[in-house]
Amino acid sequence: MKKYLLSIGLGISMISSAQNIQIVPLGVYGGSNESNLSSYLIGEESTNGYLALDAGTIYAGINKAIEKGTFEEEIGNVLKNYIKGYFISHGHLDHLSGMIINSPEDSKKPIYGTSEMIDVLKNKYFTNDAWANFANEGEAPILNKYTYNYAKIGTPFNIENTNLTGTIYELSHVNPLKSAAILVENDSNAVLYFGDTGADRIEGTTNLQTIWKAISPKIKSGKLNTLMLEVSFPNSQPENLLFGHLTPKLINEELGVLAKIVGKNKLKGLNIIVTHIKPKGDYEQKIKEELLQDNPYMIHYIFPQQGERIILK
């Protein structure tokens, strides 16, 4: 079983391993490959209780995790019993199609998100014309398998059947289209997951700046040392053709804003798990090279592989 082991500071031996956070990527790409689309399970290391961060790929991702020895259970058990709920960042298919396709075989659980995202599920996907209504609101017949949990932006909530809490923040994904990020934390550690997002300068918003200010105390204290942030295109992509996504150059631009708030020294060694790379041509290799070669804040970039567990220690 392959793992990434990451250190988040001194004194960690004093903290129970059950408090460490683990991530299992079920899908890592931002399109094209329907068997490997955005979805990450997050939970405490010594538990089998996870929140799914987006759900573009579910079944194929669980199967890959079993092939790689990350899970030793059969697919149905992981789907029904390990996944305790879903956070869906926005209503695009590459972030939720796996959940919809697998809904007939799934168990009862919550879906967390913004009212805008839930409206998309309710009005576009969980309808008789598109599929069936497996949720607790919307078009009849209502099957009541999933329960919509409407997040209040910036207000923490408990993630059911886990020891985790979540806090959702608003993102812009081709303004005025909205996406969302979620801060997932336990008593000692935290991870900030971003759905699709454009840079504030290009989107004409201050959503990322608002998040940087909100999470800055947790970065300063060392509790938050891992971001899961999308980099969809290499720097060669024209800014007018980004469609609400980031490049390595724009990552540095946004990190510069964060550095002004927390201090540049606080970003040294910060983990960024790179998500949502578009699997087109040599994009993946170019993005990796550009992030590693121009790294003024000495970020520790992690490029997740489908099915391979990441343990944040």
Protein backbone atom coordinates (compact mmCIF):
# COMPACT_ATOMS: atom_id res chain seq x y z
CA MET A 1 0.00 0.00 0.00
CA LYS A 2 1.56 3.25 -1.14
CA LYS A 3 1.24 6.28 1.16
CA TYR A 4 2.47 9.84 1.25
CA LEU A 5 3.64 10.73 4.77
CA LEU A 6 3.76 14.44 5.47
CA SER A 7 4.97 16.28 8.58
CA ILE A 8 3.03 19.29 9.83
CA GLY A 9 5.28 20.45 12.60
CA LEU A 10 7.04 19.73 15.87
CA GLY A 11 5.47 17.84 18.71
CA ILE A 12 3.28 15.68 16.48
CA SER A 13 4.27 12.57 18.45
CA MET A 14 2.20 13.96 21.30
CA ILE A 15 -0.92 13.79 19.16
CA SER A 16 -2.89 10.59 18.75
CA SER A 17 -2.62 9.07 15.29
CA ALA A 18 -6.42 8.97 15.19
CA GLN A 19 -6.33 12.74 14.91
CA ASN A 20 -4.18 12.73 11.77
CA ILE A 21 -6.08 13.40 8.57
CA GLN A 22 -5.98 11.07 5.59
CA ILE A 23 -7.08 11.63 2.00
CA VAL A 24 -7.91 8.95 -0.55
CA PRO A 25 -8.14 10.30 -4.12
CA LEU A 26 -10.92 8.56 -6.04
CA GLY A 27 -10.41 10.85 -9.03
CA VAL A 28 -7.86 13.56 -9.73
CA TYR A 29 -8.49 15.04 -13.19
CA GLY A 30 -10.66 17.91 -14.37
CA GLY A 31 -12.40 16.39 -17.35
CA SER A 32 -12.21 13.99 -20.30
CA ASN A 33 -11.37 10.81 -18.39
CA GLU A 34 -14.70 9.78 -16.86
CA SER A 35 -13.02 7.08 -14.78
CA ASN A 36 -10.78 9.58 -12.94
CA LEU A 37 -12.70 12.79 -12.18
CA SER A 38 -12.54 15.05 -9.13
CA SER A 39 -13.32 13.18 -5.90
CA TYR A 40 -11.34 12.84 -2.66
CA LEU A 41 -12.27 11.02 0.52
CA ILE A 42 -11.14 12.80 3.69
CA GLY A 43 -11.22 11.38 7.19
CA GLU A 44 -9.18 10.67 10.29
CA GLU A 45 -6.34 8.22 9.80
CA SER A 46 -7.51 5.40 12.07
CA THR A 47 -11.15 5.43 11.00
CA ASN A 48 -13.19 4.27 8.04
CA GLY A 49 -15.45 7.30 8.09
CA TYR A 50 -14.96 9.74 5.21
CA LEU A 51 -16.50 12.83 3.69
CA ALA A 52 -16.33 12.81 -0.11
CA LEU A 53 -14.94 16.09 -1.41
CA ASP A 54 -16.80 16.18 -4.74
CA ALA A 55 -17.93 13.02 -6.47
CA GLY A 56 -17.01 13.05 -10.15
CA THR A 57 -15.73 9.46 -9.95
CA ILE A 58 -16.81 7.07 -7.21
CA TYR A 59 -17.06 3.39 -8.28
CA ALA A 60 -13.95 3.35 -10.50
CA GLY A 61 -11.99 5.24 -7.85
CA ILE A 62 -12.93 2.83 -5.06
CA ASN A 63 -12.01 -0.06 -7.35
CA LYS A 64 -8.60 1.52 -8.04
CA ALA A 65 -8.06 2.02 -4.29
CA ILE A 66 -8.82 -1.67 -3.73
CA GLU A 67 -6.40 -2.66 -6.51
CA LYS A 68 -3.67 -0.60 -4.83
CA GLY A 69 -4.34 -2.04 -1.38
CA THR A 70 -5.70 1.18 0.12
CA PHE A 71 -9.00 -0.53 0.88
CA GLU A 72 -9.44 -4.23 1.58
CA GLU A 73 -13.24 -4.27 1.48
CA GLU A 74 -15.48 -4.82 -1.50
CA ILE A 75 -16.68 -1.80 -3.46
CA GLY A 76 -20.25 -1.82 -2.17
CA ASN A 77 -19.17 -1.75 1.47
CA VAL A 78 -16.86 1.24 0.90
CA LEU A 79 -19.61 3.08 -0.99
CA LYS A 80 -22.34 2.41 1.56
CA ASN A 81 -20.48 2.40 4.85
CA TYR A 82 -17.18 4.26 4.49
CA ILE A 83 -18.53 7.34 2.72
CA LYS A 84 -20.55 9.19 5.36
CA GLY A 85 -21.58 12.12 3.18
CA TYR A 86 -20.76 14.30 0.17
CA PHE A 87 -19.57 17.86 -0.18
CA ILE A 88 -20.29 18.99 -3.74
CA SER A 89 -18.53 22.22 -4.68
CA HIS A 90 -20.72 23.09 -7.66
CA GLY A 91 -23.07 21.59 -10.18
CA HIS A 92 -20.75 20.55 -13.03
CA LEU A 93 -20.82 16.91 -14.05
CA ASP A 94 -17.12 16.27 -13.46
CA HIS A 95 -17.75 17.00 -9.77
CA LEU A 96 -20.92 15.00 -9.12
CA SER A 97 -21.67 12.43 -11.84
CA GLY A 98 -20.20 9.54 -9.83
CA MET A 99 -22.56 10.19 -6.95
CA ILE A 100 -25.57 10.32 -9.25
CA ILE A 101 -24.68 7.16 -11.18
CA ASN A 102 -24.06 5.21 -7.96
CA SER A 103 -27.09 6.56 -6.07
CA PRO A 104 -29.23 3.41 -6.57
CA GLU A 105 -26.59 1.33 -4.74
CA ASP A 106 -25.71 3.92 -2.09
CA SER A 107 -26.94 4.19 1.51
CA LYS A 108 -28.68 7.09 3.22
CA LYS A 109 -26.37 10.02 3.85
CA PRO A 110 -26.17 13.83 3.71
CA ILE A 111 -25.12 16.10 0.85
CA TYR A 112 -23.48 19.34 2.03
CA GLY A 113 -23.30 22.42 -0.15
CA THR A 114 -24.52 25.87 -1.05
CA SER A 115 -28.12 26.57 -1.95
CA GLU A 116 -27.02 27.24 -5.55
CA MET A 117 -25.45 23.79 -5.88
CA ILE A 118 -28.40 22.05 -4.24
CA ASP A 119 -30.77 23.82 -6.62
CA VAL A 120 -28.83 22.32 -9.54
CA LEU A 121 -29.13 18.81 -8.09
CA LYS A 122 -32.80 19.32 -7.33
CA ASN A 123 -33.80 20.89 -10.64
CA LYS A 124 -31.40 19.36 -13.18
CA TYR A 125 -30.17 15.93 -12.07
CA PHE A 126 -32.43 14.38 -9.45
CA THR A 127 -35.48 14.60 -11.71
CA ASN A 128 -37.48 11.95 -13.51
CA ASP A 129 -36.33 13.16 -16.91
CA ALA A 130 -32.63 12.97 -16.02
CA TRP A 131 -32.45 10.12 -13.48
CA ALA A 132 -34.65 9.77 -10.38
CA ASN A 133 -35.00 11.86 -7.25
CA PHE A 134 -32.87 10.12 -4.64
CA ALA A 135 -32.91 13.21 -2.38
CA ASN A 136 -35.35 14.51 0.23
CA GLU A 137 -36.64 17.52 -1.72
CA GLY A 138 -37.81 18.21 -5.24
CA GLU A 139 -39.76 16.31 -7.85
CA ALA A 140 -42.00 13.42 -6.80
CA PRO A 141 -41.54 10.56 -6.18
CA ILE A 142 -39.07 11.55 -3.45
CA LEU A 143 -36.86 8.59 -2.52
CA ASN A 144 -35.28 10.18 0.57
CA LYS A 145 -31.87 8.54 0.27
CA TYR A 146 -29.86 11.76 0.38
CA THR A 147 -30.58 14.68 2.72
CA TYR A 148 -29.70 18.17 1.55
CA ASN A 149 -27.72 20.18 4.11
CA TYR A 150 -27.67 23.85 3.17
CA ALA A 151 -24.46 25.47 4.34
CA LYS A 152 -24.33 28.97 5.75
CA ILE A 153 -21.20 30.55 4.29
CA GLY A 154 -18.44 30.83 6.88
CA THR A 155 -20.33 28.99 9.64
CA PRO A 156 -18.88 25.68 10.92
CA PHE A 157 -21.09 22.57 11.02
CA ASN A 158 -20.64 18.98 12.15
CA ILE A 159 -20.04 16.35 9.47
CA GLU A 160 -22.36 13.51 10.44
CA ASN A 161 -20.89 10.23 11.71
CA THR A 162 -17.34 11.64 11.86
CA ASN A 163 -15.25 13.69 14.30
CA LEU A 164 -14.85 16.38 11.66
CA THR A 165 -16.37 19.80 11.17
CA GLY A 166 -16.74 21.70 7.92
CA THR A 167 -16.90 25.37 6.96
CA ILE A 168 -17.92 26.34 3.44
CA TYR A 169 -16.72 29.43 1.58
CA GLU A 170 -17.87 30.92 -1.71
CA LEU A 171 -15.75 30.80 -4.88
CA SER A 172 -16.18 32.28 -8.35
CA HIS A 173 -16.04 29.91 -11.31
CA VAL A 174 -16.57 32.23 -14.30
CA ASN A 175 -18.34 35.06 -12.52
CA PRO A 176 -21.28 35.06 -11.75
CA LEU A 177 -21.25 31.23 -11.60
CA LYS A 178 -20.49 30.16 -8.05
CA SER A 179 -18.42 27.30 -6.70
CA ALA A 180 -17.35 26.55 -3.13
CA ALA A 181 -14.45 25.57 -0.89
CA ILE A 182 -14.65 23.66 2.37
CA LEU A 183 -12.40 23.76 5.43
CA VAL A 184 -12.40 20.30 7.04
CA GLU A 185 -10.89 20.01 10.51
CA ASN A 186 -10.68 18.06 13.73
CA ASP A 187 -9.23 19.20 17.05
CA SER A 188 -5.63 19.31 15.80
CA ASN A 189 -5.47 19.43 11.99
CA ALA A 190 -7.25 21.07 9.08
CA VAL A 191 -7.40 20.80 5.29
CA LEU A 192 -8.86 23.39 2.92
CA TYR A 193 -10.37 21.95 -0.28
CA PHE A 194 -11.22 24.21 -3.21
CA GLY A 195 -13.70 23.43 -5.92
CA ASP A 196 -13.13 25.02 -9.31
CA THR A 197 -12.08 28.64 -8.93
CA GLY A 198 -10.72 31.50 -10.92
CA ALA A 199 -8.29 34.11 -9.58
CA ASP A 200 -9.82 37.18 -7.96
CA ARG A 201 -8.18 39.52 -10.47
CA ILE A 202 -9.64 37.71 -13.46
CA GLU A 203 -13.04 36.97 -11.90
CA GLY A 204 -13.45 40.52 -10.63
CA THR A 205 -14.27 39.25 -7.14
CA THR A 206 -12.64 39.10 -3.70
CA ASN A 207 -13.70 35.56 -2.82
CA LEU A 208 -10.19 34.15 -2.48
CA GLN A 209 -9.02 37.16 -0.50
CA THR A 210 -11.96 36.63 1.86
CA ILE A 211 -10.92 33.00 2.35
CA TRP A 212 -7.26 33.92 2.91
CA LYS A 213 -8.27 36.33 5.64
CA ALA A 214 -10.66 33.85 7.24
CA ILE A 215 -8.17 30.98 7.43
CA SER A 216 -5.07 33.04 8.21
CA PRO A 217 -5.19 32.38 11.99
CA LYS A 218 -5.15 28.62 11.36
CA ILE A 219 -2.15 28.94 9.05
CA LYS A 220 -0.32 31.10 11.56
CA SER A 221 -0.98 28.58 14.35
CA GLY A 222 0.12 25.65 12.16
CA LYS A 223 -3.22 23.84 12.37
CA LEU A 224 -3.89 24.38 8.66
CA ASN A 225 -0.93 23.27 6.59
CA THR A 226 -2.59 21.63 3.58
CA LEU A 227 -4.58 23.16 0.73
CA MET A 228 -6.19 21.16 -2.04
CA LEU A 229 -6.15 23.65 -4.88
CA GLU A 230 -6.93 23.30 -8.56
CA VAL A 231 -4.41 24.04 -11.32
CA SER A 232 -6.26 23.21 -14.51
CA PHE A 233 -4.04 24.72 -17.19
CA PRO A 234 -0.35 25.49 -17.82
CA ASN A 235 0.79 29.10 -18.07
CA SER A 236 0.43 29.06 -21.86
CA GLN A 237 -3.37 29.12 -21.55
CA PRO A 238 -4.64 32.65 -22.38
CA GLU A 239 -6.36 34.31 -19.46
CA ASN A 240 -9.52 34.88 -21.51
CA LEU A 241 -9.75 31.11 -22.05
CA LEU A 242 -9.33 29.94 -18.47
CA PHE A 243 -13.08 29.55 -17.88
CA GLY A 244 -12.78 30.05 -14.13
CA HIS A 245 -9.61 28.04 -13.47
CA LEU A 246 -6.05 28.58 -12.27
CA THR A 247 -2.55 28.25 -13.75
CA PRO A 248 0.81 27.99 -11.93
CA LYS A 249 1.35 31.72 -12.48
CA LEU A 250 -2.03 32.53 -10.95
CA ILE A 251 -1.33 30.22 -8.01
CA ASN A 252 1.74 32.34 -7.23
CA GLU A 253 -0.32 35.49 -7.64
CA GLU A 254 -2.86 34.30 -5.09
CA LEU A 255 -0.19 32.97 -2.73
CA GLY A 256 1.32 36.44 -2.81
CA VAL A 257 -1.94 37.81 -1.42
CA LEU A 258 -1.94 35.14 1.29
CA ALA A 259 1.72 35.85 2.11
CA LYS A 260 0.92 39.50 2.78
CA ILE A 261 -1.68 38.40 5.34
CA VAL A 262 0.20 35.63 7.17
CA GLY A 263 3.82 36.43 6.35
CA LYS A 264 5.93 34.77 3.67
CA ASN A 265 7.72 32.56 6.21
CA LYS A 266 4.41 30.92 7.14
CA LEU A 267 4.03 29.58 3.60
CA LYS A 268 7.37 27.77 3.58
CA GLY A 269 6.61 24.05 3.48
CA LEU A 270 2.87 24.57 3.07
CA ASN A 271 1.39 21.50 1.37
CA ILE A 272 -0.64 22.09 -1.77
CA ILE A 273 -2.30 19.01 -3.20
CA VAL A 274 -2.76 19.87 -6.87
CA THR A 275 -6.21 18.95 -8.17
CA HIS A 276 -8.25 19.18 -11.36
CA ILE A 277 -5.42 19.09 -13.93
CA LYS A 278 -6.92 18.88 -17.41
CA PRO A 279 -5.66 15.59 -18.92
CA LYS A 280 -4.86 17.06 -22.32
CA GLY A 281 -1.63 16.53 -24.25
CA ASP A 282 1.38 17.47 -22.10
CA TYR A 283 -0.59 19.71 -19.73
CA GLU A 284 0.11 17.55 -16.69
CA GLN A 285 3.87 17.53 -17.21
CA LYS A 286 3.98 21.26 -17.98
CA ILE A 287 1.95 22.14 -14.89
CA LYS A 288 4.25 20.07 -12.67
CA GLU A 289 7.36 21.67 -14.16
CA GLU A 290 6.00 25.21 -13.90
CA LEU A 291 4.92 24.80 -10.28
CA LEU A 292 8.23 23.30 -9.20
CA GLN A 293 10.51 25.62 -11.21
CA ASP A 294 8.84 28.87 -10.13
CA ASN A 295 8.19 28.32 -6.45
CA PRO A 296 9.02 31.59 -4.61
CA TYR A 297 7.15 30.59 -1.44
CA MET A 298 8.82 27.16 -1.17
CA ILE A 299 5.51 25.30 -1.33
CA HIS A 300 5.50 21.51 -1.00
CA TYR A 301 3.48 20.47 -4.05
CA ILE A 302 1.84 17.05 -4.03
CA PHE A 303 0.46 15.46 -7.18
CA PRO A 304 -2.12 12.88 -6.06
CA GLN A 305 -2.57 9.53 -7.77
CA GLN A 306 -5.91 7.80 -8.01
CA GLY A 307 -6.39 5.26 -5.23
CA GLU A 308 -3.18 6.10 -3.30
CA ARG A 309 -3.72 7.21 0.28
CA ILE A 310 -2.18 10.47 1.55
CA ILE A 311 -1.66 10.70 5.31
CA LEU A 312 -1.10 14.18 6.73
CA LYS A 313 1.03 13.88 9.86
